[in-house]
Amino acid sequence: MKSWPKIDSALADYVDANWLREPPLRRRLREETAKMPGAGMQISAHQGQQIGWLARAIGVRRAVEVGTFTGYSSLCIAEALPADGKLWCCDVSADWTKVARRYWKEAGVDGRIELTLGPARDTLDWLLAQGLTAQLDLAFIDADKENYDTYYERCLKLVRPGGLILVDNVLWGGSVADPADVDADTKAIRALNAKLKSDERVDLVLLAAGDGMTCALKR
């Protein structure tokens, strides 16, 4: 028996009314981003709430984010950190992250965030070179899909046992279930999904809000 409900229309309104908690600052960021080119890359408010909840649940102190865009997910993570916590953000766009910096500052969490502009692979390798292997509590991956496996493997090294790796867009608008779709991004996501199913290094669950988010708990 399938166990995935279809949540839309009146039921979606009910879910928002009873479960969604989106502070005004986050809502303003989401609404501003919605008017920008590439707005579809922004995570949903529901996913942001899930990420922040998970970060608090496991007591995250140090985290890394691969793909920051305008900063909604990083804001959710940073707000869940203690005052001396640290979030390393990886992105390639000064324009997108300029928006993120503005909201981080307004939220008072900019001191917890270190943003590096450049290829995420290089930034992750740098973190490993700094002796942070198995030292981070959480990784969130939401960047170019063809490099998802590369990011996953590096984040798996960085995250401690009992830490979480979150991977966004794993349903890819349903394309992953269409064998006729052989787009490079679709193939990359499909390959990682299949790999994770049998990866004995992690325990696995799918959070089906937004475009689907894998939650991998490192053993």
N, C-alpha and C. Protein backbone atom coordinates (compact mmCIF):
# COMPACT_ATOMS: atom_id res chain seq x y z
N MET A 1 0.85 -1.20 0.00
CA MET A 1 0.00 0.00 0.00
C MET A 1 0.88 1.25 0.00
N LYS A 2 0.55 2.17 -0.87
CA LYS A 2 1.30 3.42 -0.92
C LYS A 2 0.96 4.28 0.30
N SER A 3 1.97 4.99 0.78
CA SER A 3 1.76 5.75 2.02
C SER A 3 2.03 7.24 1.83
N TRP A 4 1.99 7.73 0.59
CA TRP A 4 2.27 9.15 0.34
C TRP A 4 0.97 9.88 0.03
N PRO A 5 0.50 10.71 0.94
CA PRO A 5 -0.74 11.46 0.68
C PRO A 5 -0.49 12.60 -0.31
N LYS A 6 -1.52 12.97 -1.02
CA LYS A 6 -1.44 14.14 -1.89
C LYS A 6 -1.94 15.34 -1.09
N ILE A 7 -1.05 16.29 -0.86
CA ILE A 7 -1.40 17.45 -0.04
C ILE A 7 -1.49 18.68 -0.93
N ASP A 8 -2.70 19.10 -1.23
CA ASP A 8 -2.92 20.31 -2.01
C ASP A 8 -4.27 20.90 -1.65
N SER A 9 -4.57 22.03 -2.25
CA SER A 9 -5.87 22.70 -2.06
C SER A 9 -6.18 22.90 -0.57
N ALA A 10 -7.38 22.47 -0.15
CA ALA A 10 -7.82 22.71 1.22
C ALA A 10 -6.92 22.01 2.23
N LEU A 11 -6.43 20.83 1.89
CA LEU A 11 -5.56 20.11 2.82
C LEU A 11 -4.24 20.83 3.01
N ALA A 12 -3.71 21.41 1.93
CA ALA A 12 -2.47 22.19 2.03
C ALA A 12 -2.68 23.42 2.92
N ASP A 13 -3.82 24.06 2.78
CA ASP A 13 -4.13 25.21 3.64
C ASP A 13 -4.21 24.77 5.10
N TYR A 14 -4.77 23.60 5.33
CA TYR A 14 -4.88 23.08 6.69
C TYR A 14 -3.49 22.80 7.27
N VAL A 15 -2.62 22.20 6.47
CA VAL A 15 -1.25 21.93 6.93
C VAL A 15 -0.54 23.23 7.28
N ASP A 16 -0.66 24.23 6.41
CA ASP A 16 -0.01 25.52 6.68
C ASP A 16 -0.56 26.15 7.96
N ALA A 17 -1.85 26.05 8.15
CA ALA A 17 -2.48 26.68 9.31
C ALA A 17 -2.09 26.00 10.62
N ASN A 18 -1.80 24.71 10.58
CA ASN A 18 -1.58 23.96 11.80
C ASN A 18 -0.12 23.56 12.07
N TRP A 19 0.73 23.57 11.04
CA TRP A 19 2.11 23.13 11.25
C TRP A 19 3.17 24.16 10.85
N LEU A 20 2.86 24.98 9.88
CA LEU A 20 3.90 25.88 9.37
C LEU A 20 4.11 27.07 10.31
N ARG A 21 5.39 27.28 10.69
CA ARG A 21 5.78 28.45 11.47
C ARG A 21 6.87 29.16 10.68
N GLU A 22 6.54 30.26 10.06
CA GLU A 22 7.52 31.00 9.27
C GLU A 22 7.64 32.41 9.83
N PRO A 23 8.75 32.72 10.49
CA PRO A 23 8.94 34.06 11.04
C PRO A 23 8.88 35.12 9.94
N PRO A 24 8.49 36.34 10.27
CA PRO A 24 8.35 37.41 9.27
C PRO A 24 9.62 37.64 8.45
N LEU A 25 10.79 37.55 9.06
CA LEU A 25 12.03 37.79 8.33
C LEU A 25 12.22 36.75 7.22
N ARG A 26 11.99 35.50 7.54
CA ARG A 26 12.12 34.45 6.52
C ARG A 26 11.08 34.64 5.42
N ARG A 27 9.88 35.01 5.80
CA ARG A 27 8.84 35.22 4.80
C ARG A 27 9.22 36.35 3.85
N ARG A 28 9.79 37.42 4.39
CA ARG A 28 10.22 38.52 3.52
C ARG A 28 11.32 38.07 2.56
N LEU A 29 12.25 37.26 3.06
CA LEU A 29 13.30 36.74 2.19
C LEU A 29 12.71 35.86 1.09
N ARG A 30 11.79 35.00 1.45
CA ARG A 30 11.18 34.12 0.45
C ARG A 30 10.42 34.93 -0.59
N GLU A 31 9.69 35.94 -0.15
CA GLU A 31 8.91 36.76 -1.07
C GLU A 31 9.81 37.60 -1.98
N GLU A 32 10.92 38.11 -1.44
CA GLU A 32 11.86 38.85 -2.27
C GLU A 32 12.50 37.94 -3.31
N THR A 33 12.89 36.75 -2.89
CA THR A 33 13.53 35.80 -3.80
C THR A 33 12.58 35.36 -4.90
N ALA A 34 11.29 35.26 -4.59
CA ALA A 34 10.30 34.82 -5.56
C ALA A 34 10.22 35.74 -6.78
N LYS A 35 10.70 36.96 -6.64
CA LYS A 35 10.66 37.93 -7.73
C LYS A 35 11.95 37.93 -8.55
N MET A 36 12.92 37.10 -8.15
CA MET A 36 14.23 37.09 -8.80
C MET A 36 14.32 36.00 -9.86
N PRO A 37 15.21 36.17 -10.85
CA PRO A 37 15.48 35.06 -11.78
C PRO A 37 16.02 33.86 -11.00
N GLY A 38 15.59 32.68 -11.38
CA GLY A 38 16.03 31.48 -10.69
C GLY A 38 15.34 31.24 -9.37
N ALA A 39 14.18 31.88 -9.17
CA ALA A 39 13.48 31.77 -7.89
C ALA A 39 13.12 30.34 -7.54
N GLY A 40 12.99 29.48 -8.54
CA GLY A 40 12.64 28.09 -8.30
C GLY A 40 13.68 27.32 -7.51
N MET A 41 14.87 27.89 -7.38
CA MET A 41 15.93 27.21 -6.62
C MET A 41 15.75 27.35 -5.12
N GLN A 42 14.85 28.23 -4.69
CA GLN A 42 14.65 28.46 -3.26
C GLN A 42 13.90 27.29 -2.64
N ILE A 43 14.33 26.85 -1.47
CA ILE A 43 13.59 25.79 -0.78
C ILE A 43 12.26 26.34 -0.29
N SER A 44 11.35 25.44 0.04
CA SER A 44 10.06 25.87 0.56
C SER A 44 10.16 26.20 2.04
N ALA A 45 9.17 26.94 2.51
CA ALA A 45 9.12 27.27 3.93
C ALA A 45 9.02 26.01 4.78
N HIS A 46 8.31 25.00 4.27
CA HIS A 46 8.17 23.75 5.01
C HIS A 46 9.53 23.05 5.15
N GLN A 47 10.31 23.05 4.09
CA GLN A 47 11.64 22.46 4.17
C GLN A 47 12.54 23.23 5.13
N GLY A 48 12.44 24.54 5.10
CA GLY A 48 13.24 25.34 6.02
C GLY A 48 12.92 25.00 7.46
N GLN A 49 11.64 24.83 7.75
CA GLN A 49 11.23 24.46 9.10
C GLN A 49 11.76 23.08 9.47
N GLN A 50 11.72 22.14 8.51
CA GLN A 50 12.25 20.80 8.75
C GLN A 50 13.75 20.85 9.05
N ILE A 51 14.49 21.62 8.25
CA ILE A 51 15.94 21.70 8.42
C ILE A 51 16.29 22.29 9.79
N GLY A 52 15.63 23.38 10.16
CA GLY A 52 15.88 23.99 11.45
C GLY A 52 15.54 23.05 12.60
N TRP A 53 14.43 22.33 12.47
CA TRP A 53 14.00 21.38 13.51
C TRP A 53 15.02 20.26 13.66
N LEU A 54 15.49 19.73 12.53
CA LEU A 54 16.48 18.66 12.58
C LEU A 54 17.79 19.15 13.21
N ALA A 55 18.19 20.37 12.85
CA ALA A 55 19.42 20.92 13.41
C ALA A 55 19.32 21.05 14.92
N ARG A 56 18.19 21.50 15.41
CA ARG A 56 18.01 21.62 16.87
C ARG A 56 17.91 20.24 17.52
N ALA A 57 17.27 19.30 16.84
CA ALA A 57 17.05 17.98 17.42
C ALA A 57 18.35 17.24 17.70
N ILE A 58 19.35 17.44 16.83
CA ILE A 58 20.62 16.73 17.04
C ILE A 58 21.69 17.64 17.65
N GLY A 59 21.31 18.85 18.01
CA GLY A 59 22.25 19.76 18.68
C GLY A 59 23.39 20.21 17.79
N VAL A 60 23.06 20.63 16.58
CA VAL A 60 24.11 21.03 15.63
C VAL A 60 24.89 22.24 16.15
N ARG A 61 26.21 22.12 16.07
CA ARG A 61 27.10 23.23 16.42
C ARG A 61 27.91 23.68 15.21
N ARG A 62 28.24 22.74 14.34
CA ARG A 62 29.00 23.07 13.14
C ARG A 62 28.36 22.39 11.94
N ALA A 63 28.22 23.15 10.85
CA ALA A 63 27.51 22.65 9.69
C ALA A 63 28.12 23.22 8.41
N VAL A 64 27.79 22.58 7.29
CA VAL A 64 28.21 23.08 5.99
C VAL A 64 27.01 23.05 5.04
N GLU A 65 26.94 24.05 4.18
CA GLU A 65 25.87 24.13 3.19
C GLU A 65 26.50 24.24 1.81
N VAL A 66 26.09 23.36 0.91
CA VAL A 66 26.58 23.37 -0.47
C VAL A 66 25.47 23.93 -1.35
N GLY A 67 25.58 25.19 -1.71
CA GLY A 67 24.55 25.87 -2.48
C GLY A 67 23.72 26.76 -1.57
N THR A 68 23.99 28.05 -1.57
CA THR A 68 23.35 28.97 -0.63
C THR A 68 22.24 29.80 -1.26
N PHE A 69 22.39 30.16 -2.54
CA PHE A 69 21.42 30.99 -3.25
C PHE A 69 21.19 32.28 -2.46
N THR A 70 19.96 32.62 -2.11
CA THR A 70 19.71 33.88 -1.40
C THR A 70 19.62 33.70 0.12
N GLY A 71 19.91 32.51 0.60
CA GLY A 71 20.13 32.37 2.03
C GLY A 71 19.01 31.84 2.90
N TYR A 72 17.92 31.33 2.32
CA TYR A 72 16.82 30.87 3.17
C TYR A 72 17.24 29.67 4.03
N SER A 73 17.83 28.67 3.41
CA SER A 73 18.21 27.48 4.17
C SER A 73 19.32 27.78 5.16
N SER A 74 20.29 28.60 4.77
CA SER A 74 21.37 28.94 5.69
C SER A 74 20.84 29.74 6.88
N LEU A 75 19.83 30.57 6.66
CA LEU A 75 19.22 31.30 7.76
C LEU A 75 18.57 30.34 8.74
N CYS A 76 17.89 29.32 8.21
CA CYS A 76 17.25 28.33 9.08
C CYS A 76 18.27 27.56 9.90
N ILE A 77 19.40 27.21 9.27
CA ILE A 77 20.44 26.48 9.99
C ILE A 77 21.12 27.38 11.02
N ALA A 78 21.50 28.58 10.61
CA ALA A 78 22.24 29.48 11.50
C ALA A 78 21.43 29.85 12.73
N GLU A 79 20.13 30.03 12.55
CA GLU A 79 19.28 30.38 13.69
C GLU A 79 19.18 29.23 14.68
N ALA A 80 19.43 28.01 14.23
CA ALA A 80 19.38 26.85 15.12
C ALA A 80 20.69 26.60 15.84
N LEU A 81 21.76 27.30 15.44
CA LEU A 81 23.06 27.11 16.05
C LEU A 81 23.17 27.87 17.37
N PRO A 82 24.03 27.40 18.28
CA PRO A 82 24.33 28.21 19.46
C PRO A 82 25.13 29.43 19.05
N ALA A 83 25.31 30.36 19.97
CA ALA A 83 25.98 31.62 19.65
C ALA A 83 27.39 31.41 19.11
N ASP A 84 28.06 30.34 19.58
CA ASP A 84 29.41 30.08 19.11
C ASP A 84 29.45 29.03 18.00
N GLY A 85 28.30 28.75 17.39
CA GLY A 85 28.24 27.77 16.30
C GLY A 85 28.82 28.33 15.01
N LYS A 86 29.01 27.44 14.03
CA LYS A 86 29.63 27.85 12.77
C LYS A 86 28.96 27.13 11.61
N LEU A 87 28.64 27.90 10.57
CA LEU A 87 28.10 27.36 9.33
C LEU A 87 28.98 27.83 8.19
N TRP A 88 29.56 26.87 7.46
CA TRP A 88 30.33 27.19 6.26
C TRP A 88 29.40 27.08 5.06
N CYS A 89 29.31 28.15 4.27
CA CYS A 89 28.44 28.18 3.09
C CYS A 89 29.28 28.21 1.82
N CYS A 90 28.87 27.42 0.84
CA CYS A 90 29.55 27.34 -0.45
C CYS A 90 28.61 27.80 -1.56
N ASP A 91 29.04 28.77 -2.35
CA ASP A 91 28.25 29.21 -3.49
C ASP A 91 29.19 29.83 -4.53
N VAL A 92 28.64 30.09 -5.72
CA VAL A 92 29.46 30.67 -6.78
C VAL A 92 29.00 32.07 -7.18
N SER A 93 27.89 32.53 -6.61
CA SER A 93 27.29 33.79 -7.05
C SER A 93 27.38 34.88 -6.00
N ALA A 94 28.07 35.96 -6.32
CA ALA A 94 28.12 37.11 -5.43
C ALA A 94 26.78 37.83 -5.40
N ASP A 95 26.06 37.82 -6.53
CA ASP A 95 24.77 38.52 -6.60
C ASP A 95 23.73 37.85 -5.71
N TRP A 96 23.58 36.54 -5.82
CA TRP A 96 22.60 35.84 -5.00
C TRP A 96 22.94 35.95 -3.53
N THR A 97 24.20 35.71 -3.20
CA THR A 97 24.57 35.70 -1.78
C THR A 97 24.63 37.09 -1.17
N LYS A 98 24.62 38.12 -2.01
CA LYS A 98 24.51 39.48 -1.48
C LYS A 98 23.17 39.64 -0.76
N VAL A 99 22.14 39.06 -1.31
CA VAL A 99 20.84 39.07 -0.65
C VAL A 99 20.92 38.29 0.66
N ALA A 100 21.56 37.13 0.60
CA ALA A 100 21.70 36.30 1.81
C ALA A 100 22.41 37.06 2.92
N ARG A 101 23.50 37.73 2.59
CA ARG A 101 24.27 38.46 3.60
C ARG A 101 23.41 39.51 4.29
N ARG A 102 22.56 40.16 3.52
CA ARG A 102 21.71 41.21 4.09
C ARG A 102 20.75 40.63 5.14
N TYR A 103 20.17 39.48 4.83
CA TYR A 103 19.23 38.87 5.76
C TYR A 103 19.95 38.23 6.95
N TRP A 104 21.13 37.66 6.72
CA TRP A 104 21.91 37.12 7.84
C TRP A 104 22.19 38.21 8.86
N LYS A 105 22.57 39.37 8.33
CA LYS A 105 22.90 40.49 9.22
C LYS A 105 21.67 40.95 9.98
N GLU A 106 20.56 41.07 9.30
CA GLU A 106 19.33 41.52 9.97
C GLU A 106 18.89 40.54 11.04
N ALA A 107 19.13 39.25 10.80
CA ALA A 107 18.75 38.23 11.77
C ALA A 107 19.75 38.12 12.92
N GLY A 108 20.91 38.77 12.77
CA GLY A 108 21.91 38.73 13.81
C GLY A 108 22.72 37.44 13.85
N VAL A 109 22.76 36.71 12.70
CA VAL A 109 23.49 35.44 12.67
C VAL A 109 24.69 35.50 11.73
N ASP A 110 24.99 36.66 11.19
CA ASP A 110 26.08 36.77 10.22
C ASP A 110 27.43 36.37 10.82
N GLY A 111 27.59 36.54 12.13
CA GLY A 111 28.84 36.16 12.78
C GLY A 111 29.04 34.66 12.87
N ARG A 112 27.97 33.89 12.63
CA ARG A 112 28.08 32.43 12.69
C ARG A 112 28.36 31.81 11.32
N ILE A 113 28.34 32.64 10.28
CA ILE A 113 28.41 32.12 8.91
C ILE A 113 29.69 32.56 8.22
N GLU A 114 30.34 31.61 7.57
CA GLU A 114 31.51 31.89 6.74
C GLU A 114 31.18 31.48 5.31
N LEU A 115 31.07 32.44 4.43
CA LEU A 115 30.71 32.19 3.03
C LEU A 115 31.96 32.18 2.17
N THR A 116 32.10 31.16 1.35
CA THR A 116 33.20 31.07 0.39
C THR A 116 32.62 31.00 -1.01
N LEU A 117 33.02 31.93 -1.88
CA LEU A 117 32.58 31.93 -3.27
C LEU A 117 33.60 31.18 -4.11
N GLY A 118 33.13 30.18 -4.82
CA GLY A 118 34.01 29.36 -5.64
C GLY A 118 33.44 27.95 -5.73
N PRO A 119 34.09 27.07 -6.49
CA PRO A 119 33.60 25.70 -6.62
C PRO A 119 33.48 25.03 -5.25
N ALA A 120 32.32 24.45 -4.99
CA ALA A 120 32.08 23.83 -3.68
C ALA A 120 33.04 22.68 -3.41
N ARG A 121 33.42 21.96 -4.44
CA ARG A 121 34.35 20.85 -4.25
C ARG A 121 35.65 21.35 -3.59
N ASP A 122 36.13 22.50 -4.06
CA ASP A 122 37.37 23.05 -3.51
C ASP A 122 37.19 23.46 -2.05
N THR A 123 36.04 24.06 -1.74
CA THR A 123 35.77 24.49 -0.37
C THR A 123 35.67 23.28 0.56
N LEU A 124 34.99 22.23 0.11
CA LEU A 124 34.87 21.02 0.93
C LEU A 124 36.24 20.37 1.14
N ASP A 125 37.05 20.35 0.09
CA ASP A 125 38.40 19.80 0.23
C ASP A 125 39.22 20.63 1.22
N TRP A 126 39.01 21.95 1.20
CA TRP A 126 39.72 22.83 2.13
C TRP A 126 39.30 22.53 3.57
N LEU A 127 38.01 22.32 3.79
CA LEU A 127 37.54 21.99 5.14
C LEU A 127 38.16 20.68 5.62
N LEU A 128 38.25 19.71 4.74
CA LEU A 128 38.88 18.44 5.10
C LEU A 128 40.35 18.66 5.43
N ALA A 129 41.01 19.51 4.66
CA ALA A 129 42.43 19.79 4.90
C ALA A 129 42.65 20.53 6.21
N GLN A 130 41.61 21.20 6.72
CA GLN A 130 41.72 21.92 8.00
C GLN A 130 41.54 20.99 9.20
N GLY A 131 41.40 19.70 8.94
CA GLY A 131 41.25 18.74 10.03
C GLY A 131 39.83 18.58 10.52
N LEU A 132 38.84 18.89 9.67
CA LEU A 132 37.44 18.82 10.08
C LEU A 132 36.77 17.49 9.71
N THR A 133 37.55 16.50 9.35
CA THR A 133 36.99 15.18 9.08
C THR A 133 36.23 14.66 10.30
N ALA A 134 34.97 14.27 10.09
CA ALA A 134 34.09 13.74 11.15
C ALA A 134 33.88 14.73 12.30
N GLN A 135 33.96 16.02 11.98
CA GLN A 135 33.80 17.05 13.01
C GLN A 135 32.50 17.85 12.87
N LEU A 136 31.83 17.77 11.74
CA LEU A 136 30.61 18.56 11.53
C LEU A 136 29.39 17.74 11.92
N ASP A 137 28.32 18.45 12.24
CA ASP A 137 27.09 17.80 12.69
C ASP A 137 26.05 17.67 11.59
N LEU A 138 26.14 18.56 10.59
CA LEU A 138 25.09 18.58 9.56
C LEU A 138 25.66 19.12 8.26
N ALA A 139 25.20 18.55 7.14
CA ALA A 139 25.52 19.07 5.81
C ALA A 139 24.22 19.16 5.02
N PHE A 140 24.06 20.25 4.30
CA PHE A 140 22.90 20.43 3.43
C PHE A 140 23.41 20.64 2.01
N ILE A 141 22.95 19.79 1.08
CA ILE A 141 23.41 19.82 -0.31
C ILE A 141 22.27 20.26 -1.20
N ASP A 142 22.45 21.38 -1.89
CA ASP A 142 21.42 21.91 -2.79
C ASP A 142 22.11 22.78 -3.83
N ALA A 143 22.90 22.15 -4.70
CA ALA A 143 23.67 22.89 -5.70
C ALA A 143 23.55 22.19 -7.05
N ASP A 144 24.56 22.33 -7.91
CA ASP A 144 24.51 21.72 -9.24
C ASP A 144 24.39 20.20 -9.12
N LYS A 145 23.43 19.64 -9.81
CA LYS A 145 23.04 18.25 -9.59
C LYS A 145 24.08 17.25 -10.11
N GLU A 146 24.79 17.60 -11.16
CA GLU A 146 25.76 16.66 -11.72
C GLU A 146 26.89 16.34 -10.75
N ASN A 147 27.11 17.21 -9.77
CA ASN A 147 28.17 16.98 -8.79
C ASN A 147 27.63 16.49 -7.45
N TYR A 148 26.38 16.10 -7.42
CA TYR A 148 25.78 15.66 -6.15
C TYR A 148 26.56 14.53 -5.50
N ASP A 149 26.98 13.55 -6.26
CA ASP A 149 27.70 12.43 -5.66
C ASP A 149 29.03 12.89 -5.07
N THR A 150 29.72 13.78 -5.77
CA THR A 150 30.98 14.33 -5.26
C THR A 150 30.75 15.06 -3.94
N TYR A 151 29.72 15.88 -3.88
CA TYR A 151 29.43 16.61 -2.66
C TYR A 151 29.04 15.65 -1.53
N TYR A 152 28.26 14.64 -1.85
CA TYR A 152 27.83 13.67 -0.85
C TYR A 152 29.03 12.97 -0.22
N GLU A 153 29.94 12.50 -1.05
CA GLU A 153 31.09 11.76 -0.53
C GLU A 153 31.97 12.64 0.37
N ARG A 154 32.15 13.88 -0.01
CA ARG A 154 32.96 14.77 0.82
C ARG A 154 32.24 15.14 2.11
N CYS A 155 30.95 15.37 2.02
CA CYS A 155 30.18 15.68 3.23
C CYS A 155 30.13 14.48 4.17
N LEU A 156 30.10 13.29 3.61
CA LEU A 156 30.10 12.10 4.45
C LEU A 156 31.39 12.00 5.26
N LYS A 157 32.48 12.47 4.69
CA LYS A 157 33.75 12.50 5.42
C LYS A 157 33.73 13.58 6.51
N LEU A 158 33.10 14.70 6.21
CA LEU A 158 33.09 15.82 7.15
C LEU A 158 32.16 15.60 8.34
N VAL A 159 31.06 14.90 8.11
CA VAL A 159 30.04 14.75 9.15
C VAL A 159 30.42 13.63 10.12
N ARG A 160 30.17 13.85 11.38
CA ARG A 160 30.46 12.87 12.43
C ARG A 160 29.44 11.73 12.41
N PRO A 161 29.77 10.58 13.00
CA PRO A 161 28.75 9.56 13.21
C PRO A 161 27.60 10.13 14.04
N GLY A 162 26.38 9.91 13.59
CA GLY A 162 25.23 10.51 14.24
C GLY A 162 24.85 11.86 13.67
N GLY A 163 25.65 12.34 12.73
CA GLY A 163 25.34 13.60 12.05
C GLY A 163 24.45 13.35 10.83
N LEU A 164 23.93 14.44 10.28
CA LEU A 164 22.97 14.34 9.18
C LEU A 164 23.52 14.95 7.90
N ILE A 165 23.18 14.29 6.78
CA ILE A 165 23.40 14.87 5.46
C ILE A 165 22.02 15.00 4.80
N LEU A 166 21.65 16.22 4.45
CA LEU A 166 20.38 16.50 3.79
C LEU A 166 20.65 16.82 2.34
N VAL A 167 19.91 16.16 1.43
CA VAL A 167 20.10 16.35 -0.01
C VAL A 167 18.77 16.79 -0.61
N ASP A 168 18.74 17.98 -1.19
CA ASP A 168 17.49 18.53 -1.73
C ASP A 168 17.27 18.11 -3.18
N ASN A 169 16.03 18.25 -3.62
CA ASN A 169 15.60 18.02 -5.02
C ASN A 169 15.74 16.58 -5.47
N VAL A 170 15.59 15.63 -4.55
CA VAL A 170 15.79 14.23 -4.91
C VAL A 170 14.61 13.64 -5.70
N LEU A 171 13.49 14.34 -5.75
CA LEU A 171 12.37 13.90 -6.59
C LEU A 171 12.37 14.60 -7.94
N TRP A 172 13.01 15.76 -8.01
CA TRP A 172 13.26 16.49 -9.26
C TRP A 172 11.99 16.64 -10.10
N GLY A 173 10.95 17.09 -9.42
CA GLY A 173 9.69 17.33 -10.11
C GLY A 173 9.05 16.09 -10.70
N GLY A 174 9.44 14.93 -10.22
CA GLY A 174 8.91 13.67 -10.73
C GLY A 174 9.72 13.07 -11.86
N SER A 175 10.70 13.81 -12.37
CA SER A 175 11.49 13.32 -13.52
C SER A 175 12.27 12.05 -13.21
N VAL A 176 12.67 11.88 -11.95
CA VAL A 176 13.46 10.70 -11.60
C VAL A 176 12.70 9.40 -11.83
N ALA A 177 11.37 9.48 -11.85
CA ALA A 177 10.56 8.27 -12.04
C ALA A 177 10.18 8.05 -13.50
N ASP A 178 10.69 8.89 -14.38
CA ASP A 178 10.39 8.79 -15.81
C ASP A 178 11.61 8.23 -16.55
N PRO A 179 11.61 6.96 -16.93
CA PRO A 179 12.77 6.36 -17.61
C PRO A 179 13.16 7.07 -18.89
N ALA A 180 12.20 7.77 -19.51
CA ALA A 180 12.49 8.46 -20.77
C ALA A 180 13.28 9.74 -20.56
N ASP A 181 13.33 10.23 -19.32
CA ASP A 181 14.06 11.46 -19.03
C ASP A 181 15.53 11.11 -18.77
N VAL A 182 16.38 11.45 -19.72
CA VAL A 182 17.81 11.15 -19.59
C VAL A 182 18.64 12.44 -19.52
N ASP A 183 18.01 13.52 -19.08
CA ASP A 183 18.74 14.75 -18.82
C ASP A 183 19.86 14.49 -17.82
N ALA A 184 20.99 15.19 -17.98
CA ALA A 184 22.16 14.94 -17.14
C ALA A 184 21.85 15.13 -15.66
N ASP A 185 21.10 16.18 -15.32
CA ASP A 185 20.77 16.43 -13.92
C ASP A 185 19.89 15.31 -13.38
N THR A 186 18.90 14.91 -14.17
CA THR A 186 18.01 13.84 -13.74
C THR A 186 18.78 12.55 -13.52
N LYS A 187 19.67 12.23 -14.43
CA LYS A 187 20.47 11.01 -14.30
C LYS A 187 21.35 11.05 -13.06
N ALA A 188 21.91 12.22 -12.76
CA ALA A 188 22.78 12.34 -11.59
C ALA A 188 22.00 12.14 -10.29
N ILE A 189 20.81 12.75 -10.22
CA ILE A 189 19.99 12.59 -9.01
C ILE A 189 19.52 11.15 -8.88
N ARG A 190 19.08 10.57 -10.00
CA ARG A 190 18.61 9.19 -9.98
C ARG A 190 19.72 8.24 -9.53
N ALA A 191 20.94 8.49 -9.98
CA ALA A 191 22.07 7.64 -9.61
C ALA A 191 22.37 7.75 -8.12
N LEU A 192 22.34 8.98 -7.59
CA LEU A 192 22.60 9.14 -6.16
C LEU A 192 21.50 8.50 -5.32
N ASN A 193 20.25 8.65 -5.76
CA ASN A 193 19.15 8.03 -5.03
C ASN A 193 19.33 6.52 -4.94
N ALA A 194 19.72 5.90 -6.06
CA ALA A 194 19.93 4.45 -6.09
C ALA A 194 21.12 4.06 -5.21
N LYS A 195 22.16 4.86 -5.25
CA LYS A 195 23.34 4.58 -4.43
C LYS A 195 23.01 4.64 -2.94
N LEU A 196 22.27 5.66 -2.55
CA LEU A 196 21.94 5.84 -1.15
C LEU A 196 21.07 4.70 -0.62
N LYS A 197 20.22 4.17 -1.48
CA LYS A 197 19.34 3.07 -1.05
C LYS A 197 20.14 1.91 -0.48
N SER A 198 21.31 1.65 -1.05
CA SER A 198 22.12 0.50 -0.60
C SER A 198 23.39 0.92 0.15
N ASP A 199 23.49 2.19 0.53
CA ASP A 199 24.69 2.68 1.21
C ASP A 199 24.62 2.32 2.69
N GLU A 200 25.41 1.36 3.10
CA GLU A 200 25.39 0.88 4.48
C GLU A 200 26.05 1.85 5.46
N ARG A 201 26.59 2.93 4.95
CA ARG A 201 27.23 3.91 5.83
C ARG A 201 26.23 4.84 6.49
N VAL A 202 24.98 4.81 6.01
CA VAL A 202 23.96 5.75 6.51
C VAL A 202 22.63 5.04 6.72
N ASP A 203 21.80 5.63 7.58
CA ASP A 203 20.38 5.29 7.67
C ASP A 203 19.62 6.36 6.92
N LEU A 204 18.50 5.98 6.33
CA LEU A 204 17.91 6.81 5.29
C LEU A 204 16.42 7.04 5.49
N VAL A 205 15.97 8.28 5.17
CA VAL A 205 14.55 8.57 5.13
C VAL A 205 14.33 9.68 4.09
N LEU A 206 13.15 9.69 3.49
CA LEU A 206 12.77 10.74 2.55
C LEU A 206 11.78 11.68 3.20
N LEU A 207 12.10 12.97 3.19
CA LEU A 207 11.16 14.00 3.62
C LEU A 207 10.52 14.56 2.36
N ALA A 208 9.23 14.37 2.21
CA ALA A 208 8.58 14.60 0.91
C ALA A 208 8.02 15.99 0.71
N ALA A 209 8.39 16.96 1.55
CA ALA A 209 7.98 18.35 1.31
C ALA A 209 8.82 18.93 0.18
N GLY A 210 8.31 19.99 -0.42
CA GLY A 210 9.05 20.65 -1.49
C GLY A 210 9.29 19.70 -2.65
N ASP A 211 10.55 19.63 -3.11
CA ASP A 211 10.91 18.76 -4.22
C ASP A 211 11.56 17.46 -3.74
N GLY A 212 11.33 17.14 -2.48
CA GLY A 212 11.88 15.92 -1.91
C GLY A 212 13.25 16.16 -1.32
N MET A 213 13.45 15.75 -0.07
CA MET A 213 14.74 15.93 0.59
C MET A 213 15.14 14.64 1.29
N THR A 214 16.28 14.10 0.90
CA THR A 214 16.81 12.91 1.55
C THR A 214 17.47 13.32 2.86
N CYS A 215 17.24 12.54 3.89
CA CYS A 215 17.86 12.73 5.20
C CYS A 215 18.67 11.47 5.49
N ALA A 216 19.99 11.59 5.45
CA ALA A 216 20.89 10.46 5.67
C ALA A 216 21.60 10.63 7.01
N LEU A 217 21.41 9.69 7.91
CA LEU A 217 22.04 9.71 9.23
C LEU A 217 23.30 8.85 9.17
N LYS A 218 24.44 9.46 9.39
CA LYS A 218 25.70 8.72 9.30
C LYS A 218 25.84 7.75 10.47
N ARG A 219 26.16 6.50 10.14
CA ARG A 219 26.33 5.47 11.17
C ARG A 219 27.68 5.62 11.86
